[in-house]
Amino acid sequence: CPASYSNWVLYIFNQETMFFASFFWAFFHSALAPGVALGFFWPQEVYTMPCWGLPLLNTSLLLSTVFPCNMAQAAIKAGELKIALNTLGLVMFLGGCFVLVQGYEIFTAKFTLADGVYGCCFFSLTGLHGLH
């Protein structure tokens, strides 16, 4: 792997890390130390997203793609194209399910982007995470 390639990979990784860290910083800064602008209350009369329903399902969907993805990589290295295509198809199916559940979660949320810092951070983080 040429040095310029690894430098680009490191650059993109650091850029993504700092990008998402800034959104998490805004979320936790507002959640742990709500200021005058938030009325010293977090979240400001907003219905928060429960963590055990759809978010847990989406986390499970994402984690369930790890094994078939690694299996596909091993199959490609071994020259087993049929196994690789089948497992990559499974990964794509699970990814599609994740996107559908995420879309359902976003469209049925009881808060909006205009509901202050909580809504802004939630929709920015979930939307940008889905895009990347």
N, C-alpha and C. Protein backbone atom coordinates (compact mmCIF):
# COMPACT_ATOMS: atom_id res chain seq x y z
N CYS A 1 0.85 -1.17 0.00
CA CYS A 1 0.00 0.00 0.00
C CYS A 1 0.90 1.24 0.00
N PRO A 2 0.80 2.07 -1.02
CA PRO A 2 1.66 3.26 -1.09
C PRO A 2 1.39 4.21 0.07
N ALA A 3 2.42 4.99 0.39
CA ALA A 3 2.32 5.93 1.52
C ALA A 3 1.24 6.97 1.28
N SER A 4 1.09 7.43 0.02
CA SER A 4 0.09 8.46 -0.25
C SER A 4 -1.33 7.93 -0.02
N TYR A 5 -1.55 6.65 -0.32
CA TYR A 5 -2.86 6.04 -0.09
C TYR A 5 -3.17 5.99 1.40
N SER A 6 -2.22 5.53 2.20
CA SER A 6 -2.46 5.43 3.64
C SER A 6 -2.62 6.81 4.26
N ASN A 7 -1.95 7.82 3.70
CA ASN A 7 -2.14 9.18 4.20
C ASN A 7 -3.57 9.66 3.93
N TRP A 8 -4.11 9.35 2.76
CA TRP A 8 -5.48 9.74 2.44
C TRP A 8 -6.48 9.02 3.33
N VAL A 9 -6.24 7.74 3.57
CA VAL A 9 -7.13 6.98 4.45
C VAL A 9 -7.12 7.58 5.85
N LEU A 10 -5.94 7.91 6.35
CA LEU A 10 -5.83 8.52 7.67
C LEU A 10 -6.50 9.89 7.70
N TYR A 11 -6.34 10.66 6.63
CA TYR A 11 -6.97 11.98 6.55
C TYR A 11 -8.49 11.87 6.59
N ILE A 12 -9.05 10.97 5.79
CA ILE A 12 -10.51 10.80 5.74
C ILE A 12 -11.03 10.27 7.07
N PHE A 13 -10.32 9.32 7.67
CA PHE A 13 -10.73 8.79 8.97
C PHE A 13 -10.74 9.90 10.02
N ASN A 14 -9.70 10.70 10.07
CA ASN A 14 -9.64 11.80 11.04
C ASN A 14 -10.73 12.84 10.78
N GLN A 15 -10.99 13.11 9.52
CA GLN A 15 -12.03 14.07 9.17
C GLN A 15 -13.40 13.58 9.63
N GLU A 16 -13.71 12.32 9.38
CA GLU A 16 -14.98 11.74 9.82
C GLU A 16 -15.08 11.75 11.35
N THR A 17 -13.99 11.40 12.01
CA THR A 17 -13.98 11.37 13.47
C THR A 17 -14.27 12.74 14.05
N MET A 18 -13.61 13.77 13.55
CA MET A 18 -13.82 15.12 14.07
C MET A 18 -15.20 15.64 13.72
N PHE A 19 -15.70 15.28 12.56
CA PHE A 19 -17.03 15.72 12.13
C PHE A 19 -18.09 15.20 13.09
N PHE A 20 -18.07 13.89 13.36
CA PHE A 20 -19.07 13.32 14.25
C PHE A 20 -18.80 13.69 15.71
N ALA A 21 -17.55 13.86 16.08
CA ALA A 21 -17.24 14.27 17.45
C ALA A 21 -17.83 15.64 17.75
N SER A 22 -17.85 16.53 16.77
CA SER A 22 -18.41 17.87 17.00
C SER A 22 -19.91 17.80 17.27
N PHE A 23 -20.62 16.92 16.57
CA PHE A 23 -22.06 16.78 16.82
C PHE A 23 -22.32 16.13 18.17
N PHE A 24 -21.53 15.11 18.52
CA PHE A 24 -21.70 14.49 19.83
C PHE A 24 -21.34 15.48 20.94
N TRP A 25 -20.33 16.31 20.70
CA TRP A 25 -19.96 17.34 21.68
C TRP A 25 -21.14 18.29 21.90
N ALA A 26 -21.77 18.74 20.84
CA ALA A 26 -22.92 19.64 20.97
C ALA A 26 -24.05 18.97 21.74
N PHE A 27 -24.30 17.71 21.44
CA PHE A 27 -25.37 16.99 22.12
C PHE A 27 -25.07 16.85 23.61
N PHE A 28 -23.89 16.34 23.95
CA PHE A 28 -23.57 16.12 25.36
C PHE A 28 -23.36 17.41 26.13
N HIS A 29 -22.84 18.44 25.47
CA HIS A 29 -22.69 19.74 26.13
C HIS A 29 -24.05 20.28 26.54
N SER A 30 -25.01 20.19 25.65
CA SER A 30 -26.36 20.68 25.96
C SER A 30 -27.08 19.77 26.95
N ALA A 31 -26.82 18.48 26.88
CA ALA A 31 -27.52 17.53 27.76
C ALA A 31 -26.97 17.57 29.19
N LEU A 32 -25.66 17.67 29.33
CA LEU A 32 -25.06 17.59 30.65
C LEU A 32 -24.97 18.94 31.36
N ALA A 33 -24.96 20.02 30.61
CA ALA A 33 -24.88 21.36 31.21
C ALA A 33 -25.79 22.32 30.46
N PRO A 34 -27.12 22.13 30.56
CA PRO A 34 -28.02 23.04 29.84
C PRO A 34 -27.92 24.45 30.39
N GLY A 35 -27.77 25.39 29.49
CA GLY A 35 -27.56 26.78 29.89
C GLY A 35 -28.83 27.60 29.90
N VAL A 36 -28.64 28.91 29.95
CA VAL A 36 -29.76 29.85 30.01
C VAL A 36 -30.63 29.73 28.76
N ALA A 37 -30.01 29.54 27.60
CA ALA A 37 -30.77 29.45 26.35
C ALA A 37 -31.74 28.28 26.37
N LEU A 38 -31.41 27.22 27.11
CA LEU A 38 -32.29 26.06 27.20
C LEU A 38 -33.17 26.11 28.45
N GLY A 39 -33.07 27.17 29.21
CA GLY A 39 -33.87 27.29 30.43
C GLY A 39 -33.40 26.33 31.52
N PHE A 40 -32.13 25.95 31.46
CA PHE A 40 -31.53 25.01 32.42
C PHE A 40 -32.28 23.69 32.49
N PHE A 41 -32.90 23.30 31.38
CA PHE A 41 -33.69 22.07 31.34
C PHE A 41 -33.37 21.33 30.05
N TRP A 42 -33.18 20.03 30.15
CA TRP A 42 -32.85 19.23 28.97
C TRP A 42 -33.72 17.98 28.94
N PRO A 43 -34.23 17.58 27.82
CA PRO A 43 -34.53 18.39 26.64
C PRO A 43 -35.73 19.28 26.92
N GLN A 44 -35.82 20.33 26.19
CA GLN A 44 -36.83 21.36 26.42
C GLN A 44 -38.20 20.89 25.97
N GLU A 45 -38.98 20.33 26.87
CA GLU A 45 -40.35 19.89 26.59
C GLU A 45 -40.46 19.15 25.25
N VAL A 46 -39.53 18.27 25.02
CA VAL A 46 -39.49 17.49 23.79
C VAL A 46 -39.62 16.02 24.16
N TYR A 47 -40.38 15.29 23.37
CA TYR A 47 -40.48 13.85 23.57
C TYR A 47 -39.19 13.22 23.08
N THR A 48 -38.47 12.55 23.95
CA THR A 48 -37.21 11.93 23.54
C THR A 48 -37.47 10.55 22.94
N MET A 49 -36.52 10.09 22.16
CA MET A 49 -36.63 8.79 21.50
C MET A 49 -36.29 7.69 22.51
N PRO A 50 -37.16 6.70 22.71
CA PRO A 50 -36.83 5.60 23.62
C PRO A 50 -35.69 4.78 23.03
N CYS A 51 -34.81 4.28 23.89
CA CYS A 51 -33.62 3.59 23.38
C CYS A 51 -33.80 2.09 23.20
N TRP A 52 -34.90 1.50 23.65
CA TRP A 52 -35.05 0.06 23.58
C TRP A 52 -35.85 -0.42 22.38
N GLY A 53 -36.55 0.43 21.69
CA GLY A 53 -37.39 0.00 20.57
C GLY A 53 -36.62 -0.08 19.26
N LEU A 54 -36.92 0.87 18.40
CA LEU A 54 -36.30 0.89 17.07
C LEU A 54 -34.79 1.12 17.10
N PRO A 55 -34.26 1.96 17.98
CA PRO A 55 -32.80 2.10 18.01
C PRO A 55 -32.08 0.79 18.32
N LEU A 56 -32.63 -0.01 19.21
CA LEU A 56 -32.02 -1.31 19.52
C LEU A 56 -32.12 -2.26 18.33
N LEU A 57 -33.24 -2.23 17.63
CA LEU A 57 -33.39 -3.05 16.42
C LEU A 57 -32.37 -2.63 15.37
N ASN A 58 -32.19 -1.33 15.17
CA ASN A 58 -31.22 -0.86 14.18
C ASN A 58 -29.80 -1.23 14.58
N THR A 59 -29.48 -1.12 15.85
CA THR A 59 -28.15 -1.53 16.31
C THR A 59 -27.94 -3.01 16.05
N SER A 60 -28.95 -3.81 16.30
CA SER A 60 -28.86 -5.26 16.04
C SER A 60 -28.67 -5.54 14.55
N LEU A 61 -29.39 -4.79 13.71
CA LEU A 61 -29.23 -4.98 12.26
C LEU A 61 -27.81 -4.65 11.82
N LEU A 62 -27.27 -3.55 12.34
CA LEU A 62 -25.91 -3.18 11.96
C LEU A 62 -24.89 -4.20 12.44
N LEU A 63 -25.04 -4.65 13.68
CA LEU A 63 -24.09 -5.62 14.21
C LEU A 63 -24.21 -6.98 13.52
N SER A 64 -25.39 -7.30 13.03
CA SER A 64 -25.57 -8.59 12.36
C SER A 64 -24.93 -8.62 10.98
N THR A 65 -24.50 -7.49 10.45
CA THR A 65 -23.82 -7.48 9.15
C THR A 65 -22.33 -7.79 9.26
N VAL A 66 -21.80 -7.78 10.47
CA VAL A 66 -20.35 -7.97 10.63
C VAL A 66 -19.93 -9.36 10.18
N PHE A 67 -20.60 -10.39 10.67
CA PHE A 67 -20.20 -11.76 10.33
C PHE A 67 -20.31 -12.07 8.84
N PRO A 68 -21.46 -11.79 8.19
CA PRO A 68 -21.51 -12.08 6.75
C PRO A 68 -20.54 -11.25 5.92
N CYS A 69 -20.25 -10.04 6.37
CA CYS A 69 -19.29 -9.21 5.63
C CYS A 69 -17.88 -9.82 5.72
N ASN A 70 -17.50 -10.26 6.91
CA ASN A 70 -16.20 -10.92 7.06
C ASN A 70 -16.16 -12.25 6.32
N MET A 71 -17.29 -12.95 6.31
CA MET A 71 -17.38 -14.21 5.58
C MET A 71 -17.22 -13.97 4.07
N ALA A 72 -17.81 -12.90 3.56
CA ALA A 72 -17.67 -12.56 2.14
C ALA A 72 -16.23 -12.22 1.81
N GLN A 73 -15.57 -11.50 2.69
CA GLN A 73 -14.17 -11.16 2.45
C GLN A 73 -13.30 -12.43 2.40
N ALA A 74 -13.54 -13.35 3.32
CA ALA A 74 -12.79 -14.60 3.31
C ALA A 74 -13.10 -15.42 2.06
N ALA A 75 -14.35 -15.41 1.62
CA ALA A 75 -14.73 -16.15 0.42
C ALA A 75 -14.08 -15.56 -0.82
N ILE A 76 -13.97 -14.24 -0.88
CA ILE A 76 -13.31 -13.59 -2.02
C ILE A 76 -11.84 -13.98 -2.06
N LYS A 77 -11.19 -13.97 -0.90
CA LYS A 77 -9.77 -14.35 -0.84
C LYS A 77 -9.56 -15.81 -1.22
N ALA A 78 -10.56 -16.66 -0.89
CA ALA A 78 -10.46 -18.09 -1.22
C ALA A 78 -10.93 -18.40 -2.64
N GLY A 79 -11.46 -17.40 -3.34
CA GLY A 79 -11.92 -17.60 -4.70
C GLY A 79 -13.32 -18.20 -4.80
N GLU A 80 -14.05 -18.23 -3.73
CA GLU A 80 -15.42 -18.75 -3.70
C GLU A 80 -16.40 -17.63 -4.03
N LEU A 81 -16.59 -17.38 -5.31
CA LEU A 81 -17.39 -16.24 -5.75
C LEU A 81 -18.86 -16.38 -5.39
N LYS A 82 -19.42 -17.59 -5.47
CA LYS A 82 -20.84 -17.77 -5.17
C LYS A 82 -21.13 -17.47 -3.70
N ILE A 83 -20.29 -17.96 -2.80
CA ILE A 83 -20.47 -17.68 -1.37
C ILE A 83 -20.32 -16.19 -1.11
N ALA A 84 -19.34 -15.57 -1.77
CA ALA A 84 -19.13 -14.13 -1.58
C ALA A 84 -20.35 -13.34 -2.03
N LEU A 85 -20.91 -13.68 -3.18
CA LEU A 85 -22.08 -12.96 -3.67
C LEU A 85 -23.30 -13.17 -2.77
N ASN A 86 -23.48 -14.40 -2.28
CA ASN A 86 -24.61 -14.66 -1.38
C ASN A 86 -24.48 -13.88 -0.08
N THR A 87 -23.31 -13.89 0.51
CA THR A 87 -23.15 -13.18 1.79
C THR A 87 -23.19 -11.67 1.59
N LEU A 88 -22.68 -11.17 0.48
CA LEU A 88 -22.80 -9.73 0.22
C LEU A 88 -24.25 -9.35 -0.05
N GLY A 89 -25.00 -10.24 -0.68
CA GLY A 89 -26.44 -10.00 -0.85
C GLY A 89 -27.15 -9.92 0.49
N LEU A 90 -26.77 -10.79 1.42
CA LEU A 90 -27.34 -10.74 2.77
C LEU A 90 -26.98 -9.43 3.47
N VAL A 91 -25.73 -9.00 3.31
CA VAL A 91 -25.31 -7.72 3.91
C VAL A 91 -26.11 -6.57 3.32
N MET A 92 -26.32 -6.59 2.00
CA MET A 92 -27.11 -5.53 1.37
C MET A 92 -28.56 -5.56 1.83
N PHE A 93 -29.11 -6.75 2.01
CA PHE A 93 -30.49 -6.87 2.51
C PHE A 93 -30.60 -6.30 3.92
N LEU A 94 -29.66 -6.66 4.79
CA LEU A 94 -29.68 -6.14 6.17
C LEU A 94 -29.47 -4.63 6.19
N GLY A 95 -28.61 -4.13 5.30
CA GLY A 95 -28.43 -2.68 5.20
C GLY A 95 -29.69 -1.98 4.72
N GLY A 96 -30.40 -2.59 3.78
CA GLY A 96 -31.67 -2.02 3.33
C GLY A 96 -32.70 -2.01 4.43
N CYS A 97 -32.74 -3.09 5.23
CA CYS A 97 -33.66 -3.12 6.38
C CYS A 97 -33.31 -2.02 7.36
N PHE A 98 -32.01 -1.79 7.58
CA PHE A 98 -31.58 -0.72 8.48
C PHE A 98 -32.08 0.63 7.99
N VAL A 99 -31.92 0.89 6.70
CA VAL A 99 -32.35 2.18 6.14
C VAL A 99 -33.86 2.33 6.25
N LEU A 100 -34.61 1.27 6.00
CA LEU A 100 -36.07 1.34 6.13
C LEU A 100 -36.50 1.63 7.57
N VAL A 101 -35.90 0.93 8.52
CA VAL A 101 -36.25 1.17 9.93
C VAL A 101 -35.84 2.57 10.34
N GLN A 102 -34.69 3.04 9.87
CA GLN A 102 -34.24 4.40 10.19
C GLN A 102 -35.20 5.43 9.61
N GLY A 103 -35.64 5.22 8.39
CA GLY A 103 -36.61 6.13 7.78
C GLY A 103 -37.92 6.14 8.54
N TYR A 104 -38.38 4.96 8.95
CA TYR A 104 -39.61 4.88 9.75
C TYR A 104 -39.44 5.62 11.07
N GLU A 105 -38.29 5.43 11.70
CA GLU A 105 -38.01 6.10 12.97
C GLU A 105 -38.02 7.62 12.82
N ILE A 106 -37.44 8.11 11.74
CA ILE A 106 -37.37 9.55 11.52
C ILE A 106 -38.76 10.12 11.23
N PHE A 107 -39.54 9.44 10.38
CA PHE A 107 -40.85 9.98 10.00
C PHE A 107 -41.90 9.84 11.10
N THR A 108 -41.69 8.96 12.06
CA THR A 108 -42.67 8.81 13.14
C THR A 108 -42.21 9.46 14.44
N ALA A 109 -41.07 10.14 14.43
CA ALA A 109 -40.59 10.80 15.65
C ALA A 109 -41.58 11.89 16.07
N LYS A 110 -41.72 12.04 17.37
CA LYS A 110 -42.67 13.02 17.89
C LYS A 110 -42.04 14.40 18.08
N PHE A 111 -40.87 14.59 17.54
CA PHE A 111 -40.21 15.89 17.58
C PHE A 111 -39.64 16.18 16.20
N THR A 112 -39.29 17.44 15.96
CA THR A 112 -38.81 17.85 14.64
C THR A 112 -37.44 18.51 14.76
N LEU A 113 -36.91 18.85 13.61
CA LEU A 113 -35.64 19.55 13.56
C LEU A 113 -35.72 20.91 14.24
N ALA A 114 -36.91 21.49 14.26
CA ALA A 114 -37.10 22.82 14.85
C ALA A 114 -37.30 22.78 16.36
N ASP A 115 -37.22 21.62 16.99
CA ASP A 115 -37.44 21.50 18.43
C ASP A 115 -36.18 21.75 19.25
N GLY A 116 -35.36 22.65 18.83
CA GLY A 116 -34.19 23.03 19.62
C GLY A 116 -32.99 22.14 19.37
N VAL A 117 -32.10 22.15 20.35
CA VAL A 117 -30.83 21.45 20.22
C VAL A 117 -31.03 19.94 20.12
N TYR A 118 -31.96 19.40 20.88
CA TYR A 118 -32.18 17.95 20.86
C TYR A 118 -32.59 17.48 19.47
N GLY A 119 -33.60 18.11 18.90
CA GLY A 119 -34.06 17.71 17.57
C GLY A 119 -32.99 17.92 16.52
N CYS A 120 -32.28 19.04 16.62
CA CYS A 120 -31.22 19.33 15.65
C CYS A 120 -30.11 18.29 15.73
N CYS A 121 -29.66 17.97 16.93
CA CYS A 121 -28.60 16.98 17.08
C CYS A 121 -29.06 15.59 16.64
N PHE A 122 -30.28 15.21 17.03
CA PHE A 122 -30.78 13.88 16.68
C PHE A 122 -30.86 13.71 15.17
N PHE A 123 -31.52 14.64 14.49
CA PHE A 123 -31.71 14.48 13.05
C PHE A 123 -30.40 14.68 12.28
N SER A 124 -29.54 15.56 12.76
CA SER A 124 -28.24 15.73 12.10
C SER A 124 -27.40 14.47 12.23
N LEU A 125 -27.32 13.92 13.43
CA LEU A 125 -26.50 12.73 13.63
C LEU A 125 -27.06 11.51 12.89
N THR A 126 -28.36 11.28 12.97
CA THR A 126 -28.90 10.10 12.29
C THR A 126 -28.87 10.26 10.77
N GLY A 127 -29.17 11.44 10.29
CA GLY A 127 -29.15 11.67 8.84
C GLY A 127 -27.76 11.60 8.26
N LEU A 128 -26.81 12.25 8.90
CA LEU A 128 -25.44 12.23 8.39
C LEU A 128 -24.80 10.86 8.55
N HIS A 129 -25.16 10.15 9.60
CA HIS A 129 -24.65 8.79 9.76
C HIS A 129 -25.19 7.89 8.65
N GLY A 130 -26.46 8.08 8.31
CA GLY A 130 -27.02 7.30 7.21
C GLY A 130 -26.38 7.63 5.87
N LEU A 131 -26.04 8.89 5.66
CA LEU A 131 -25.40 9.29 4.40
C LEU A 131 -23.98 8.76 4.27
N HIS A 132 -23.29 8.70 5.37
CA HIS A 132 -21.88 8.30 5.25
C HIS A 132 -21.79 6.80 5.23
